[in-house]
C-alpha cells in the first residue's frame, strides 16, 4: 500500500475564496477559520454554498445552536464569501451579528498572580504565562516571540504583527525579565535556544510553540481556576500565525 497521503481535490469555489483571501492579506489561521465556517454552512445546506437562498441563511442562523462569539466569527467568514468571492452583497447582508454582553476580565492581586505563576508546570510554561499576563500579550503573540524581541536595554517587548497586523511595544518589568532570563539559561542548557531563535520553541527548536500548546501553558487546568478562590482566569485570545522569521536587529537577547 502506498504511504502517500491522498489529498482531497479543491473545488473551484474554495480555490477562488483562497485566492481572494490571499490577495487581501488575511492571516493563514483566519483563512483556515473562514474555510471551516463555509464548510459547516455547506454541510448544513447539503449542497454548494453558491446555491444558498435568503431562506437558507435564515434557517442556518436560527438553527445554529452555538454561542454568540462563534456565530459572529462565522458571520465574518460567510460575509466574506458572499460579498467578495460570490459578489452577492444582497445575501451577505442576511447574516446577522449577535449582540451579547462583554464582561471585563478578572483582575488579579499581586498575591493571586504569584499563586498563578507557581501553578505553572515547568519553567517554560511559567515564563510563557508570565509574559502573557505580565505584558498583556495574546496567546498567539506569546507563541510568536523571538529571543531578539526582548529589549532589556529599553525594558520593552517587541510585538510584531500582533492584533490587527500591527507592530507595538509592550512594557517589560524587571521581574518578568529575570523570569525570562531564567528560562533562557535553562533552554540554552537543554539545547533549545538558538541565536535569534524562538523564545518559546515547540517540539523542535526550529519551530515556535504552537498556539494550542501556548494556550495550555497560560490557561491549563492548574491555572484556569485560581486555587482556593474558584475564580476563572483566562488569557487574551488572539488569532494569528507566528510572524515570519525576521530578526529584530540591534536588540539584545534576555
C-alpha atoms as a PDB file:
ATOM      1  CA  UNK A   1       0.000   0.000   0.000  1.00  0.00           C
ATOM      2  CA  UNK A   2       1.314   3.450  -0.868  1.00  0.00           C
ATOM      3  CA  UNK A   3       2.316   5.634   2.047  1.00  0.00           C
ATOM      4  CA  UNK A   4       1.495   8.779   0.116  1.00  0.00           C
ATOM      5  CA  UNK A   5      -1.357  10.730   1.594  1.00  0.00           C
ATOM      6  CA  UNK A   6      -4.467  11.117  -0.516  1.00  0.00           C
ATOM      7  CA  UNK A   7      -5.335  14.762  -0.894  1.00  0.00           C
ATOM      8  CA  UNK A   8      -8.917  15.835  -1.387  1.00  0.00           C
ATOM      9  CA  UNK A   9      -9.480  17.863  -4.550  1.00  0.00           C
ATOM     10  CA  UNK A  10     -10.058  21.573  -4.026  1.00  0.00           C
ATOM     11  CA  UNK A  11     -13.316  22.838  -5.501  1.00  0.00           C
ATOM     12  CA  UNK A  12     -13.243  25.863  -7.821  1.00  0.00           C
ATOM     13  CA  UNK A  13     -15.235  27.857  -5.229  1.00  0.00           C
ATOM     14  CA  UNK A  14     -12.774  27.097  -2.423  1.00  0.00           C
ATOM     15  CA  UNK A  15      -9.810  27.849  -4.663  1.00  0.00           C
ATOM     16  CA  UNK A  16     -11.316  31.204  -5.635  1.00  0.00           C
ATOM     17  CA  UNK A  17     -12.032  32.076  -1.999  1.00  0.00           C
ATOM     18  CA  UNK A  18      -8.476  31.162  -1.002  1.00  0.00           C
ATOM     19  CA  UNK A  19      -7.149  33.407  -3.759  1.00  0.00           C
ATOM     20  CA  UNK A  20      -9.414  36.260  -2.636  1.00  0.00           C
ATOM     21  CA  UNK A  21      -8.237  35.932   0.969  1.00  0.00           C
ATOM     22  CA  UNK A  22      -4.573  35.743  -0.039  1.00  0.00           C
ATOM     23  CA  UNK A  23      -4.887  38.865  -2.207  1.00  0.00           C
ATOM     24  CA  UNK A  24      -6.280  40.760   0.775  1.00  0.00           C
ATOM     25  CA  UNK A  25      -3.521  39.594   3.109  1.00  0.00           C
ATOM     26  CA  UNK A  26      -5.665  37.598   5.533  1.00  0.00           C
ATOM     27  CA  UNK A  27      -3.698  35.562   8.034  1.00  0.00           C
ATOM     28  CA  UNK A  28      -3.279  31.852   7.417  1.00  0.00           C
ATOM     29  CA  UNK A  29      -5.290  30.931  10.523  1.00  0.00           C
ATOM     30  CA  UNK A  30      -8.033  33.400   9.567  1.00  0.00           C
ATOM     31  CA  UNK A  31      -8.198  31.781   6.138  1.00  0.00           C
ATOM     32  CA  UNK A  32      -8.422  28.362   7.766  1.00  0.00           C
ATOM     33  CA  UNK A  33     -11.265  29.524  10.027  1.00  0.00           C
ATOM     34  CA  UNK A  34     -13.185  31.122   7.149  1.00  0.00           C
ATOM     35  CA  UNK A  35     -12.923  27.937   5.072  1.00  0.00           C
ATOM     36  CA  UNK A  36     -14.129  25.904   8.059  1.00  0.00           C
ATOM     37  CA  UNK A  37     -17.152  28.169   8.536  1.00  0.00           C
ATOM     38  CA  UNK A  38     -18.029  27.894   4.853  1.00  0.00           C
ATOM     39  CA  UNK A  39     -17.647  24.101   5.035  1.00  0.00           C
ATOM     40  CA  UNK A  40     -20.022  23.995   8.016  1.00  0.00           C
ATOM     41  CA  UNK A  41     -22.512  26.087   6.065  1.00  0.00           C
ATOM     42  CA  UNK A  42     -22.211  23.769   3.054  1.00  0.00           C
ATOM     43  CA  UNK A  43     -22.744  20.725   5.303  1.00  0.00           C
ATOM     44  CA  UNK A  44     -25.881  22.365   6.717  1.00  0.00           C
ATOM     45  CA  UNK A  45     -27.200  23.037   3.212  1.00  0.00           C
ATOM     46  CA  UNK A  46     -26.206  19.687   1.790  1.00  0.00           C
ATOM     47  CA  UNK A  47     -25.025  21.428  -1.369  1.00  0.00           C
ATOM     48  CA  UNK A  48     -22.644  24.134  -2.563  1.00  0.00           C
ATOM     49  CA  UNK A  49     -22.912  27.489  -0.716  1.00  0.00           C
ATOM     50  CA  UNK A  50     -23.180  29.384  -4.004  1.00  0.00           C
ATOM     51  CA  UNK A  51     -26.701  27.953  -4.367  1.00  0.00           C
ATOM     52  CA  UNK A  52     -27.873  29.328  -0.997  1.00  0.00           C
ATOM     53  CA  UNK A  53     -31.007  31.431  -0.741  1.00  0.00           C
ATOM     54  CA  UNK A  54     -32.022  34.057   1.792  1.00  0.00           C
ATOM     55  CA  UNK A  55     -34.250  31.475   3.493  1.00  0.00           C
ATOM     56  CA  UNK A  56     -31.313  29.036   3.730  1.00  0.00           C
ATOM     57  CA  UNK A  57     -29.284  31.693   5.527  1.00  0.00           C
ATOM     58  CA  UNK A  58     -32.127  32.416   7.924  1.00  0.00           C
ATOM     59  CA  UNK A  59     -32.556  28.718   8.770  1.00  0.00           C
ATOM     60  CA  UNK A  60     -28.820  28.339   9.303  1.00  0.00           C
ATOM     61  CA  UNK A  61     -28.685  31.152  11.843  1.00  0.00           C
ATOM     62  CA  UNK A  62     -31.880  30.139  13.622  1.00  0.00           C
ATOM     63  CA  UNK A  63     -30.766  26.529  13.987  1.00  0.00           C
ATOM     64  CA  UNK A  64     -27.056  27.092  14.665  1.00  0.00           C
ATOM     65  CA  UNK A  65     -27.281  26.495  18.431  1.00  0.00           C
ATOM     66  CA  UNK A  66     -23.796  27.880  19.149  1.00  0.00           C
ATOM     67  CA  UNK A  67     -22.562  30.704  21.345  1.00  0.00           C
ATOM     68  CA  UNK A  68     -22.693  34.328  20.099  1.00  0.00           C
ATOM     69  CA  UNK A  69     -18.888  34.735  19.708  1.00  0.00           C
ATOM     70  CA  UNK A  70     -18.791  31.673  17.457  1.00  0.00           C
ATOM     71  CA  UNK A  71     -21.803  32.894  15.493  1.00  0.00           C
ATOM     72  CA  UNK A  72     -20.165  36.267  14.917  1.00  0.00           C
ATOM     73  CA  UNK A  73     -16.921  34.650  13.792  1.00  0.00           C
ATOM     74  CA  UNK A  74     -18.793  32.516  11.282  1.00  0.00           C
ATOM     75  CA  UNK A  75     -20.693  35.575  10.062  1.00  0.00           C
ATOM     76  CA  UNK A  76     -17.387  37.261   9.222  1.00  0.00           C
ATOM     77  CA  UNK A  77     -16.270  34.282   7.132  1.00  0.00           C
ATOM     78  CA  UNK A  78     -19.602  33.843   5.365  1.00  0.00           C
ATOM     79  CA  UNK A  79     -19.916  37.554   4.661  1.00  0.00           C
ATOM     80  CA  UNK A  80     -16.505  37.414   3.016  1.00  0.00           C
ATOM     81  CA  UNK A  81     -17.648  34.511   0.838  1.00  0.00           C
ATOM     82  CA  UNK A  82     -20.829  36.201  -0.319  1.00  0.00           C
ATOM     83  CA  UNK A  83     -19.501  39.758  -0.577  1.00  0.00           C
ATOM     84  CA  UNK A  84     -16.091  39.147  -2.145  1.00  0.00           C
ATOM     85  CA  UNK A  85     -15.944  35.703  -3.720  1.00  0.00           C
ATOM     86  CA  UNK A  86     -19.552  35.357  -4.908  1.00  0.00           C
ATOM     87  CA  UNK A  87     -20.262  39.094  -5.344  1.00  0.00           C
ATOM     88  CA  UNK A  88     -23.642  38.671  -3.653  1.00  0.00           C
ATOM     89  CA  UNK A  89     -23.855  41.561  -1.159  1.00  0.00           C
ATOM     90  CA  UNK A  90     -27.643  41.122  -1.096  1.00  0.00           C
ATOM     91  CA  UNK A  91     -27.192  37.739   0.591  1.00  0.00           C
ATOM     92  CA  UNK A  92     -24.222  38.850   2.663  1.00  0.00           C
ATOM     93  CA  UNK A  93     -26.460  41.349   4.450  1.00  0.00           C
ATOM     94  CA  UNK A  94     -28.677  38.480   5.585  1.00  0.00           C
ATOM     95  CA  UNK A  95     -26.035  37.271   8.033  1.00  0.00           C
ATOM     96  CA  UNK A  96     -26.764  38.951  11.367  1.00  0.00           C
ATOM     97  CA  UNK A  97     -24.240  39.660  14.096  1.00  0.00           C
ATOM     98  CA  UNK A  98     -25.471  38.704  17.559  1.00  0.00           C
ATOM     99  CA  UNK A  99     -25.277  41.266  20.356  1.00  0.00           C
ATOM    100  CA  UNK A 100     -24.163  39.913  23.720  1.00  0.00           C
ATOM    101  CA  UNK A 101     -22.766  41.402  26.937  1.00  0.00           C
ATOM    102  CA  UNK A 102     -18.999  41.843  27.132  1.00  0.00           C
ATOM    103  CA  UNK A 103     -17.602  41.350  30.622  1.00  0.00           C
ATOM    104  CA  UNK A 104     -14.337  42.704  31.940  1.00  0.00           C
ATOM    105  CA  UNK A 105     -11.697  40.061  32.758  1.00  0.00           C
ATOM    106  CA  UNK A 106     -10.791  39.285  36.355  1.00  0.00           C
ATOM    107  CA  UNK A 107      -8.021  41.499  37.742  1.00  0.00           C
ATOM    108  CA  UNK A 108      -5.575  39.557  39.895  1.00  0.00           C
ATOM    109  CA  UNK A 109      -3.941  40.834  43.043  1.00  0.00           C
ATOM    110  CA  UNK A 110      -0.162  40.502  43.415  1.00  0.00           C
ATOM    111  CA  UNK A 111      -0.637  37.505  45.701  1.00  0.00           C
ATOM    112  CA  UNK A 112      -3.049  35.832  43.275  1.00  0.00           C
ATOM    113  CA  UNK A 113      -0.680  36.419  40.356  1.00  0.00           C
ATOM    114  CA  UNK A 114       2.096  34.782  42.377  1.00  0.00           C
ATOM    115  CA  UNK A 115      -0.041  31.709  43.051  1.00  0.00           C
ATOM    116  CA  UNK A 116      -0.968  31.568  39.374  1.00  0.00           C
ATOM    117  CA  UNK A 117       2.695  31.511  38.332  1.00  0.00           C
ATOM    118  CA  UNK A 118       3.518  28.918  40.969  1.00  0.00           C
ATOM    119  CA  UNK A 119       0.894  26.578  39.481  1.00  0.00           C
ATOM    120  CA  UNK A 120       2.533  26.557  36.033  1.00  0.00           C
ATOM    121  CA  UNK A 121       4.042  23.123  35.200  1.00  0.00           C
ATOM    122  CA  UNK A 122       7.652  23.917  34.362  1.00  0.00           C
ATOM    123  CA  UNK A 123       9.879  26.911  33.710  1.00  0.00           C
ATOM    124  CA  UNK A 124       8.921  27.372  30.054  1.00  0.00           C
ATOM    125  CA  UNK A 125       5.229  27.345  30.889  1.00  0.00           C
ATOM    126  CA  UNK A 126       5.815  29.720  33.784  1.00  0.00           C
ATOM    127  CA  UNK A 127       7.739  32.124  31.532  1.00  0.00           C
ATOM    128  CA  UNK A 128       5.032  31.969  28.852  1.00  0.00           C
ATOM    129  CA  UNK A 129       2.339  32.550  31.464  1.00  0.00           C
ATOM    130  CA  UNK A 130       4.285  35.429  32.993  1.00  0.00           C
ATOM    131  CA  UNK A 131       4.739  37.016  29.563  1.00  0.00           C
ATOM    132  CA  UNK A 132       1.056  36.718  28.699  1.00  0.00           C
ATOM    133  CA  UNK A 133      -0.217  38.225  31.927  1.00  0.00           C
ATOM    134  CA  UNK A 134       2.723  40.444  32.831  1.00  0.00           C
ATOM    135  CA  UNK A 135       2.983  42.153  29.438  1.00  0.00           C
ATOM    136  CA  UNK A 136      -0.635  41.827  28.291  1.00  0.00           C
ATOM    137  CA  UNK A 137       0.146  39.667  25.249  1.00  0.00           C
ATOM    138  CA  UNK A 138      -2.233  37.402  23.401  1.00  0.00           C
ATOM    139  CA  UNK A 139      -1.552  33.683  23.171  1.00  0.00           C
ATOM    140  CA  UNK A 140      -0.566  33.940  19.505  1.00  0.00           C
ATOM    141  CA  UNK A 141       1.748  36.859  20.316  1.00  0.00           C
ATOM    142  CA  UNK A 142       3.486  34.876  23.066  1.00  0.00           C
ATOM    143  CA  UNK A 143       3.976  31.943  20.684  1.00  0.00           C
ATOM    144  CA  UNK A 144       5.472  34.230  18.010  1.00  0.00           C
ATOM    145  CA  UNK A 145       8.098  35.896  20.215  1.00  0.00           C
ATOM    146  CA  UNK A 146      11.777  35.532  19.391  1.00  0.00           C
ATOM    147  CA  UNK A 147      14.766  35.970  21.644  1.00  0.00           C
ATOM    148  CA  UNK A 148      15.639  39.246  19.902  1.00  0.00           C
ATOM    149  CA  UNK A 149      12.215  40.681  20.742  1.00  0.00           C
ATOM    150  CA  UNK A 150      13.257  41.119  24.380  1.00  0.00           C
ATOM    151  CA  UNK A 151      14.880  44.535  24.675  1.00  0.00           C
ATOM    152  CA  UNK A 152      16.488  44.556  28.121  1.00  0.00           C
ATOM    153  CA  UNK A 153      18.077  47.966  27.481  1.00  0.00           C
ATOM    154  CA  UNK A 154      14.811  49.854  26.999  1.00  0.00           C
ATOM    155  CA  UNK A 155      12.792  47.306  29.016  1.00  0.00           C
ATOM    156  CA  UNK A 156      10.408  46.602  26.149  1.00  0.00           C
ATOM    157  CA  UNK A 157       8.975  43.560  24.392  1.00  0.00           C
ATOM    158  CA  UNK A 158       8.649  43.989  20.644  1.00  0.00           C
ATOM    159  CA  UNK A 159       5.400  42.517  19.311  1.00  0.00           C
ATOM    160  CA  UNK A 160       5.390  42.306  15.531  1.00  0.00           C
ATOM    161  CA  UNK A 161       2.238  41.775  13.511  1.00  0.00           C
ATOM    162  CA  UNK A 162       0.004  41.398  16.551  1.00  0.00           C
ATOM    163  CA  UNK A 163      -3.711  42.125  16.645  1.00  0.00           C
ATOM    164  CA  UNK A 164      -4.770  43.946  13.501  1.00  0.00           C
ATOM    165  CA  UNK A 165      -1.395  43.044  11.939  1.00  0.00           C
ATOM    166  CA  UNK A 166       0.202  45.965  13.747  1.00  0.00           C
ATOM    167  CA  UNK A 167       3.584  46.221  15.464  1.00  0.00           C
ATOM    168  CA  UNK A 168       3.749  47.525  19.007  1.00  0.00           C
ATOM    169  CA  UNK A 169       5.905  47.592  22.118  1.00  0.00           C
ATOM    170  CA  UNK A 170       4.852  46.087  25.450  1.00  0.00           C
ATOM    171  CA  UNK A 171       6.371  47.030  28.794  1.00  0.00           C
ATOM    172  CA  UNK A 172       8.913  44.623  30.268  1.00  0.00           C
ATOM    173  CA  UNK A 173       9.105  44.585  34.059  1.00  0.00           C
ATOM    174  CA  UNK A 174      12.283  43.708  35.911  1.00  0.00           C
ATOM    175  CA  UNK A 175      10.546  40.666  37.451  1.00  0.00           C
ATOM    176  CA  UNK A 176       9.473  39.359  34.051  1.00  0.00           C
ATOM    177  CA  UNK A 177      12.942  39.988  32.621  1.00  0.00           C
ATOM    178  CA  UNK A 178      14.501  37.915  35.388  1.00  0.00           C
ATOM    179  CA  UNK A 179      11.994  35.095  34.766  1.00  0.00           C
ATOM    180  CA  UNK A 180      12.754  35.164  31.030  1.00  0.00           C
ATOM    181  CA  UNK A 181      16.481  35.085  31.735  1.00  0.00           C
ATOM    182  CA  UNK A 182      15.994  32.026  33.937  1.00  0.00           C
ATOM    183  CA  UNK A 183      14.098  30.318  31.121  1.00  0.00           C
ATOM    184  CA  UNK A 184      16.684  31.373  28.524  1.00  0.00           C
ATOM    185  CA  UNK A 185      19.517  29.859  30.541  1.00  0.00           C
ATOM    186  CA  UNK A 186      17.540  26.660  31.125  1.00  0.00           C
ATOM    187  CA  UNK A 187      16.533  26.442  27.455  1.00  0.00           C
ATOM    188  CA  UNK A 188      20.122  27.019  26.356  1.00  0.00           C
ATOM    189  CA  UNK A 189      21.328  24.284  28.718  1.00  0.00           C
ATOM    190  CA  UNK A 190      18.814  21.907  27.131  1.00  0.00           C
ATOM    191  CA  UNK A 191      19.883  22.909  23.618  1.00  0.00           C
ATOM    192  CA  UNK A 192      16.529  24.504  22.779  1.00  0.00           C
ATOM    193  CA  UNK A 193      17.548  28.136  22.338  1.00  0.00           C
ATOM    194  CA  UNK A 194      19.055  29.166  19.021  1.00  0.00           C
ATOM    195  CA  UNK A 195      20.697  32.524  18.226  1.00  0.00           C
ATOM    196  CA  UNK A 196      17.883  34.822  17.055  1.00  0.00           C
ATOM    197  CA  UNK A 197      15.531  31.864  17.502  1.00  0.00           C
ATOM    198  CA  UNK A 198      12.134  31.385  19.110  1.00  0.00           C
ATOM    199  CA  UNK A 199      11.755  32.477  22.723  1.00  0.00           C
ATOM    200  CA  UNK A 200       9.400  29.563  23.371  1.00  0.00           C
ATOM    201  CA  UNK A 201      10.383  26.735  20.996  1.00  0.00           C
ATOM    202  CA  UNK A 202       7.982  23.941  20.211  1.00  0.00           C
ATOM    203  CA  UNK A 203       8.864  20.266  19.874  1.00  0.00           C
ATOM    204  CA  UNK A 204      11.691  21.357  17.599  1.00  0.00           C
ATOM    205  CA  UNK A 205      13.917  24.338  18.313  1.00  0.00           C
ATOM    206  CA  UNK A 206      13.337  25.399  14.708  1.00  0.00           C
ATOM    207  CA  UNK A 207       9.612  25.874  15.272  1.00  0.00           C
ATOM    208  CA  UNK A 208       7.708  28.066  17.734  1.00  0.00           C
ATOM    209  CA  UNK A 209       5.416  26.625  20.334  1.00  0.00           C
ATOM    210  CA  UNK A 210       2.002  26.067  18.803  1.00  0.00           C
ATOM    211  CA  UNK A 211      -0.822  28.395  19.799  1.00  0.00           C
ATOM    212  CA  UNK A 212      -2.617  25.338  21.180  1.00  0.00           C
ATOM    213  CA  UNK A 213       0.350  24.438  23.408  1.00  0.00           C
ATOM    214  CA  UNK A 214       0.786  28.094  24.364  1.00  0.00           C
ATOM    215  CA  UNK A 215      -2.863  28.232  25.388  1.00  0.00           C
ATOM    216  CA  UNK A 216      -2.309  25.208  27.614  1.00  0.00           C
ATOM    217  CA  UNK A 217       0.780  26.922  29.043  1.00  0.00           C
ATOM    218  CA  UNK A 218      -1.140  30.026  30.056  1.00  0.00           C
ATOM    219  CA  UNK A 219      -4.560  28.519  30.710  1.00  0.00           C
ATOM    220  CA  UNK A 220      -4.027  24.886  31.631  1.00  0.00           C
ATOM    221  CA  UNK A 221      -6.156  23.213  34.284  1.00  0.00           C
ATOM    222  CA  UNK A 222      -3.789  24.141  37.174  1.00  0.00           C
ATOM    223  CA  UNK A 223      -4.137  27.823  36.329  1.00  0.00           C
ATOM    224  CA  UNK A 224      -7.590  28.426  34.873  1.00  0.00           C
ATOM    225  CA  UNK A 225      -9.257  28.295  38.288  1.00  0.00           C
ATOM    226  CA  UNK A 226      -7.259  30.159  40.918  1.00  0.00           C
ATOM    227  CA  UNK A 227      -6.594  27.880  43.855  1.00  0.00           C
ATOM    228  CA  UNK A 228      -8.968  28.405  46.743  1.00  0.00           C
ATOM    229  CA  UNK A 229     -10.958  31.154  45.015  1.00  0.00           C
ATOM    230  CA  UNK A 230     -12.985  29.350  42.339  1.00  0.00           C
ATOM    231  CA  UNK A 231     -12.462  32.354  40.078  1.00  0.00           C
ATOM    232  CA  UNK A 232     -11.992  31.703  36.343  1.00  0.00           C
ATOM    233  CA  UNK A 233      -8.886  33.278  34.816  1.00  0.00           C
ATOM    234  CA  UNK A 234      -8.200  33.164  31.093  1.00  0.00           C
ATOM    235  CA  UNK A 235      -5.579  34.580  28.741  1.00  0.00           C
ATOM    236  CA  UNK A 236      -6.331  37.052  25.988  1.00  0.00           C
ATOM    237  CA  UNK A 237      -7.179  35.003  22.955  1.00  0.00           C
ATOM    238  CA  UNK A 238      -5.964  36.014  19.555  1.00  0.00           C
ATOM    239  CA  UNK A 239      -5.988  34.571  16.102  1.00  0.00           C
ATOM    240  CA  UNK A 240      -2.886  34.680  14.049  1.00  0.00           C
ATOM    241  CA  UNK A 241       0.023  32.607  12.937  1.00  0.00           C
ATOM    242  CA  UNK A 242       3.614  33.167  14.049  1.00  0.00           C
ATOM    243  CA  UNK A 243       5.207  36.001  12.147  1.00  0.00           C
ATOM    244  CA  UNK A 244       7.925  35.430   9.502  1.00  0.00           C
ATOM    245  CA  UNK A 245      11.422  34.720  10.753  1.00  0.00           C
ATOM    246  CA  UNK A 246      12.789  38.237  10.546  1.00  0.00           C
ATOM    247  CA  UNK A 247      15.023  39.010  13.491  1.00  0.00           C
ATOM    248  CA  UNK A 248      14.918  42.423  15.086  1.00  0.00           C
ATOM    249  CA  UNK A 249      18.392  43.903  14.655  1.00  0.00           C
ATOM    250  CA  UNK A 250      20.080  45.665  17.474  1.00  0.00           C
ATOM    251  CA  UNK A 251      18.075  44.183  20.331  1.00  0.00           C
ATOM    252  CA  UNK A 252      19.667  42.082  22.993  1.00  0.00           C
ATOM    253  CA  UNK A 253      18.647  38.606  23.960  1.00  0.00           C
ATOM    254  CA  UNK A 254      17.398  38.233  27.522  1.00  0.00           C
END
